[in-house]
N, C-alpha and C. Protein backbone atom coordinates (compact mmCIF):
# COMPACT_ATOMS: atom_id res chain seq x y z
N MET A 1 -26.07 2.25 7.11
CA MET A 1 -25.69 2.27 8.50
C MET A 1 -25.37 3.71 8.89
N HIS A 2 -25.97 4.13 9.96
CA HIS A 2 -25.69 5.47 10.46
C HIS A 2 -24.35 5.47 11.20
N ARG A 3 -23.72 6.61 11.24
CA ARG A 3 -22.40 6.69 11.86
C ARG A 3 -22.41 7.54 13.12
N ASP A 4 -23.54 7.64 13.76
CA ASP A 4 -23.62 8.57 14.88
C ASP A 4 -23.92 7.90 16.21
N SER A 5 -23.72 6.60 16.33
CA SER A 5 -24.00 5.96 17.62
C SER A 5 -22.90 4.95 17.95
N VAL A 6 -22.82 4.63 19.20
CA VAL A 6 -21.82 3.67 19.67
C VAL A 6 -22.16 2.27 19.17
N THR A 7 -23.43 1.96 19.06
CA THR A 7 -23.85 0.63 18.60
C THR A 7 -23.39 0.40 17.16
N HIS A 8 -23.59 1.38 16.30
CA HIS A 8 -23.15 1.22 14.92
C HIS A 8 -21.62 1.20 14.82
N GLY A 9 -20.94 1.92 15.70
CA GLY A 9 -19.48 1.85 15.74
C GLY A 9 -18.99 0.47 16.14
N GLY A 10 -19.69 -0.16 17.08
CA GLY A 10 -19.34 -1.54 17.47
C GLY A 10 -19.55 -2.52 16.33
N ILE A 11 -20.62 -2.33 15.56
CA ILE A 11 -20.87 -3.18 14.41
C ILE A 11 -19.77 -2.99 13.37
N TYR A 12 -19.36 -1.75 13.16
CA TYR A 12 -18.30 -1.47 12.18
C TYR A 12 -16.97 -2.07 12.61
N VAL A 13 -16.61 -1.95 13.88
CA VAL A 13 -15.36 -2.52 14.37
C VAL A 13 -15.41 -4.05 14.31
N GLY A 14 -16.56 -4.62 14.61
CA GLY A 14 -16.71 -6.07 14.48
C GLY A 14 -16.55 -6.53 13.05
N ALA A 15 -17.08 -5.77 12.11
CA ALA A 15 -16.92 -6.11 10.70
C ALA A 15 -15.47 -5.98 10.26
N LEU A 16 -14.76 -4.98 10.76
CA LEU A 16 -13.35 -4.85 10.45
C LEU A 16 -12.54 -6.02 11.01
N PHE A 17 -12.85 -6.43 12.23
CA PHE A 17 -12.17 -7.59 12.81
C PHE A 17 -12.45 -8.85 12.01
N TYR A 18 -13.71 -9.04 11.61
CA TYR A 18 -14.08 -10.19 10.79
C TYR A 18 -13.31 -10.17 9.47
N GLY A 19 -13.18 -9.00 8.88
CA GLY A 19 -12.44 -8.88 7.62
C GLY A 19 -10.98 -9.23 7.78
N VAL A 20 -10.35 -8.77 8.85
CA VAL A 20 -8.95 -9.08 9.08
C VAL A 20 -8.75 -10.57 9.30
N VAL A 21 -9.63 -11.21 10.05
CA VAL A 21 -9.52 -12.65 10.31
C VAL A 21 -9.70 -13.44 9.02
N VAL A 22 -10.67 -13.07 8.20
CA VAL A 22 -10.91 -13.78 6.95
C VAL A 22 -9.72 -13.64 6.01
N ILE A 23 -9.19 -12.44 5.89
CA ILE A 23 -8.04 -12.23 5.01
C ILE A 23 -6.81 -12.97 5.53
N MET A 24 -6.65 -13.01 6.84
CA MET A 24 -5.48 -13.65 7.41
C MET A 24 -5.50 -15.17 7.22
N PHE A 25 -6.67 -15.79 7.35
CA PHE A 25 -6.76 -17.24 7.27
C PHE A 25 -7.32 -17.75 5.95
N ASN A 26 -7.41 -16.89 4.94
CA ASN A 26 -8.00 -17.28 3.66
C ASN A 26 -7.19 -18.36 2.95
N GLY A 27 -5.90 -18.26 2.92
CA GLY A 27 -5.07 -19.22 2.20
C GLY A 27 -4.66 -20.42 3.02
N LEU A 28 -5.10 -20.52 4.25
CA LEU A 28 -4.67 -21.60 5.12
C LEU A 28 -5.17 -22.96 4.64
N ALA A 29 -6.33 -23.02 4.01
CA ALA A 29 -6.87 -24.30 3.55
C ALA A 29 -6.08 -24.85 2.37
N GLU A 30 -5.50 -23.97 1.57
CA GLU A 30 -4.75 -24.42 0.40
C GLU A 30 -3.29 -24.71 0.71
N LEU A 31 -2.87 -24.43 1.91
CA LEU A 31 -1.47 -24.59 2.26
C LEU A 31 -0.99 -26.03 2.13
N SER A 32 -1.80 -26.99 2.57
CA SER A 32 -1.39 -28.40 2.47
C SER A 32 -1.30 -28.86 1.02
N MET A 33 -2.18 -28.33 0.16
CA MET A 33 -2.09 -28.69 -1.26
C MET A 33 -0.83 -28.12 -1.90
N VAL A 34 -0.46 -26.92 -1.53
CA VAL A 34 0.75 -26.31 -2.08
C VAL A 34 1.98 -27.08 -1.62
N VAL A 35 2.01 -27.46 -0.36
CA VAL A 35 3.15 -28.20 0.17
C VAL A 35 3.25 -29.58 -0.48
N SER A 36 2.11 -30.21 -0.77
CA SER A 36 2.16 -31.52 -1.41
C SER A 36 2.62 -31.44 -2.87
N ARG A 37 2.48 -30.28 -3.51
CA ARG A 37 2.94 -30.13 -4.90
C ARG A 37 4.40 -29.71 -5.00
N LEU A 38 5.03 -29.34 -3.92
CA LEU A 38 6.41 -28.87 -3.96
C LEU A 38 7.41 -29.91 -4.46
N PRO A 39 7.34 -31.19 -4.07
CA PRO A 39 8.31 -32.15 -4.60
C PRO A 39 8.27 -32.27 -6.13
N VAL A 40 7.08 -32.23 -6.70
CA VAL A 40 6.97 -32.29 -8.15
C VAL A 40 7.56 -31.04 -8.79
N PHE A 41 7.30 -29.91 -8.19
CA PHE A 41 7.85 -28.65 -8.69
C PHE A 41 9.37 -28.67 -8.69
N TYR A 42 9.96 -29.10 -7.57
CA TYR A 42 11.42 -29.11 -7.48
C TYR A 42 12.03 -30.18 -8.41
N LYS A 43 11.36 -31.31 -8.59
CA LYS A 43 11.87 -32.33 -9.49
C LYS A 43 11.90 -31.82 -10.92
N GLN A 44 10.83 -31.15 -11.35
CA GLN A 44 10.81 -30.60 -12.70
C GLN A 44 11.85 -29.49 -12.86
N ARG A 45 12.05 -28.72 -11.82
CA ARG A 45 13.05 -27.66 -11.90
C ARG A 45 14.46 -28.23 -11.97
N ASP A 46 14.74 -29.24 -11.17
CA ASP A 46 16.09 -29.80 -11.14
C ASP A 46 16.44 -30.53 -12.43
N TYR A 47 15.47 -31.18 -13.05
CA TYR A 47 15.72 -31.89 -14.30
C TYR A 47 15.54 -31.00 -15.53
N LEU A 48 15.29 -29.72 -15.31
CA LEU A 48 15.13 -28.74 -16.39
C LEU A 48 14.02 -29.11 -17.37
N PHE A 49 12.92 -29.66 -16.85
CA PHE A 49 11.79 -30.02 -17.72
C PHE A 49 11.05 -28.78 -18.19
N PHE A 50 10.51 -28.03 -17.26
CA PHE A 50 9.72 -26.85 -17.58
C PHE A 50 10.15 -25.70 -16.68
N PRO A 51 9.95 -24.47 -17.12
CA PRO A 51 10.17 -23.35 -16.19
C PRO A 51 9.07 -23.31 -15.13
N SER A 52 9.34 -22.58 -14.07
CA SER A 52 8.41 -22.60 -12.93
C SER A 52 7.06 -21.99 -13.28
N TRP A 53 6.99 -21.01 -14.17
CA TRP A 53 5.72 -20.38 -14.48
C TRP A 53 4.78 -21.34 -15.21
N VAL A 54 5.33 -22.30 -15.95
CA VAL A 54 4.49 -23.28 -16.65
C VAL A 54 3.79 -24.19 -15.65
N TYR A 55 4.46 -24.51 -14.57
CA TYR A 55 3.86 -25.37 -13.55
C TYR A 55 2.85 -24.60 -12.69
N ALA A 56 3.09 -23.31 -12.46
CA ALA A 56 2.22 -22.53 -11.58
C ALA A 56 1.01 -21.96 -12.30
N LEU A 57 1.07 -21.78 -13.60
CA LEU A 57 -0.01 -21.13 -14.34
C LEU A 57 -1.35 -21.90 -14.30
N PRO A 58 -1.39 -23.23 -14.50
CA PRO A 58 -2.69 -23.92 -14.43
C PRO A 58 -3.35 -23.83 -13.06
N ALA A 59 -2.57 -23.93 -12.01
CA ALA A 59 -3.15 -23.82 -10.66
C ALA A 59 -3.72 -22.42 -10.43
N TRP A 60 -3.04 -21.42 -10.97
CA TRP A 60 -3.52 -20.04 -10.81
C TRP A 60 -4.80 -19.82 -11.60
N ILE A 61 -4.88 -20.37 -12.81
CA ILE A 61 -6.08 -20.20 -13.64
C ILE A 61 -7.27 -20.94 -13.02
N LEU A 62 -7.04 -22.10 -12.44
CA LEU A 62 -8.14 -22.86 -11.84
C LEU A 62 -8.69 -22.19 -10.58
N LYS A 63 -7.93 -21.29 -9.97
CA LYS A 63 -8.41 -20.61 -8.76
C LYS A 63 -9.29 -19.41 -9.07
N ILE A 64 -9.35 -18.98 -10.33
CA ILE A 64 -10.12 -17.78 -10.68
C ILE A 64 -11.62 -17.93 -10.38
N PRO A 65 -12.29 -19.03 -10.78
CA PRO A 65 -13.72 -19.14 -10.43
C PRO A 65 -13.98 -19.17 -8.92
N LEU A 66 -13.11 -19.82 -8.19
CA LEU A 66 -13.27 -19.85 -6.73
C LEU A 66 -13.11 -18.45 -6.14
N THR A 67 -12.24 -17.67 -6.72
CA THR A 67 -12.05 -16.30 -6.25
C THR A 67 -13.31 -15.47 -6.46
N PHE A 68 -13.97 -15.65 -7.62
CA PHE A 68 -15.22 -14.92 -7.86
C PHE A 68 -16.31 -15.32 -6.87
N VAL A 69 -16.37 -16.59 -6.52
CA VAL A 69 -17.36 -17.04 -5.52
C VAL A 69 -17.04 -16.43 -4.16
N GLU A 70 -15.76 -16.42 -3.78
CA GLU A 70 -15.38 -15.83 -2.50
C GLU A 70 -15.70 -14.34 -2.46
N VAL A 71 -15.47 -13.65 -3.56
CA VAL A 71 -15.78 -12.21 -3.60
C VAL A 71 -17.28 -11.98 -3.49
N GLY A 72 -18.07 -12.81 -4.15
CA GLY A 72 -19.53 -12.68 -4.05
C GLY A 72 -20.03 -12.89 -2.64
N VAL A 73 -19.51 -13.91 -1.97
CA VAL A 73 -19.91 -14.16 -0.57
C VAL A 73 -19.45 -13.02 0.32
N TRP A 74 -18.25 -12.53 0.08
CA TRP A 74 -17.72 -11.42 0.89
C TRP A 74 -18.58 -10.17 0.74
N VAL A 75 -18.93 -9.83 -0.50
CA VAL A 75 -19.76 -8.64 -0.73
C VAL A 75 -21.12 -8.81 -0.09
N PHE A 76 -21.72 -9.99 -0.23
CA PHE A 76 -23.03 -10.22 0.38
C PHE A 76 -22.95 -10.07 1.89
N LEU A 77 -21.94 -10.67 2.51
CA LEU A 77 -21.84 -10.62 3.97
C LEU A 77 -21.54 -9.21 4.48
N THR A 78 -20.64 -8.51 3.82
CA THR A 78 -20.26 -7.21 4.37
C THR A 78 -21.25 -6.11 4.03
N TYR A 79 -21.75 -6.09 2.81
CA TYR A 79 -22.60 -4.97 2.44
C TYR A 79 -24.06 -5.16 2.82
N TYR A 80 -24.58 -6.34 2.66
CA TYR A 80 -26.02 -6.54 2.84
C TYR A 80 -26.35 -7.16 4.19
N ALA A 81 -25.60 -8.16 4.63
CA ALA A 81 -25.92 -8.81 5.90
C ALA A 81 -25.53 -7.95 7.10
N ILE A 82 -24.37 -7.30 7.03
CA ILE A 82 -23.94 -6.45 8.14
C ILE A 82 -24.72 -5.15 8.14
N GLY A 83 -25.01 -4.63 6.98
CA GLY A 83 -25.81 -3.43 6.91
C GLY A 83 -25.07 -2.21 6.41
N PHE A 84 -23.96 -2.39 5.72
CA PHE A 84 -23.25 -1.23 5.19
C PHE A 84 -24.08 -0.54 4.11
N ASP A 85 -24.66 -1.32 3.21
CA ASP A 85 -25.45 -0.74 2.12
C ASP A 85 -26.67 -1.63 1.90
N PRO A 86 -27.86 -1.21 2.29
CA PRO A 86 -29.02 -2.07 2.15
C PRO A 86 -29.60 -2.13 0.74
N TYR A 87 -29.13 -1.29 -0.16
CA TYR A 87 -29.67 -1.24 -1.52
C TYR A 87 -28.80 -2.07 -2.45
N VAL A 88 -29.36 -3.15 -2.98
CA VAL A 88 -28.61 -4.06 -3.85
C VAL A 88 -28.31 -3.41 -5.18
N GLY A 89 -29.19 -2.57 -5.67
CA GLY A 89 -29.02 -1.98 -6.99
C GLY A 89 -28.01 -0.88 -7.09
N ARG A 90 -27.45 -0.48 -6.00
CA ARG A 90 -26.49 0.63 -6.02
C ARG A 90 -25.15 0.25 -6.52
C-alpha cells in the first residue's frame, strides 16, 4: 500500500477502526460462559477444594488453538485482504 494519497490514508484509518472494534468486542462472546462458571469457581474456593489457578488453567489451555485460528484470520484480513502486504512469502 502506498502512503502518498488520501484514498490509501482512508483505507488505513478504516483498518485501524476495524482493529479497535475487533479487539474491543473479542471477548464478548465468552462473557456468558465465564459468568456461568463463576458459581462453581466460588463454591470450590469457599470449600477449599482447589486453588483458583487449578480451575482456570484448563480453560486457558483449551483457548490456545482458538487463539491461533483468530490470529491467522486477523493476519489474512489485515495484511492480504486490506492490502498492507501483498506478498505472502515475506
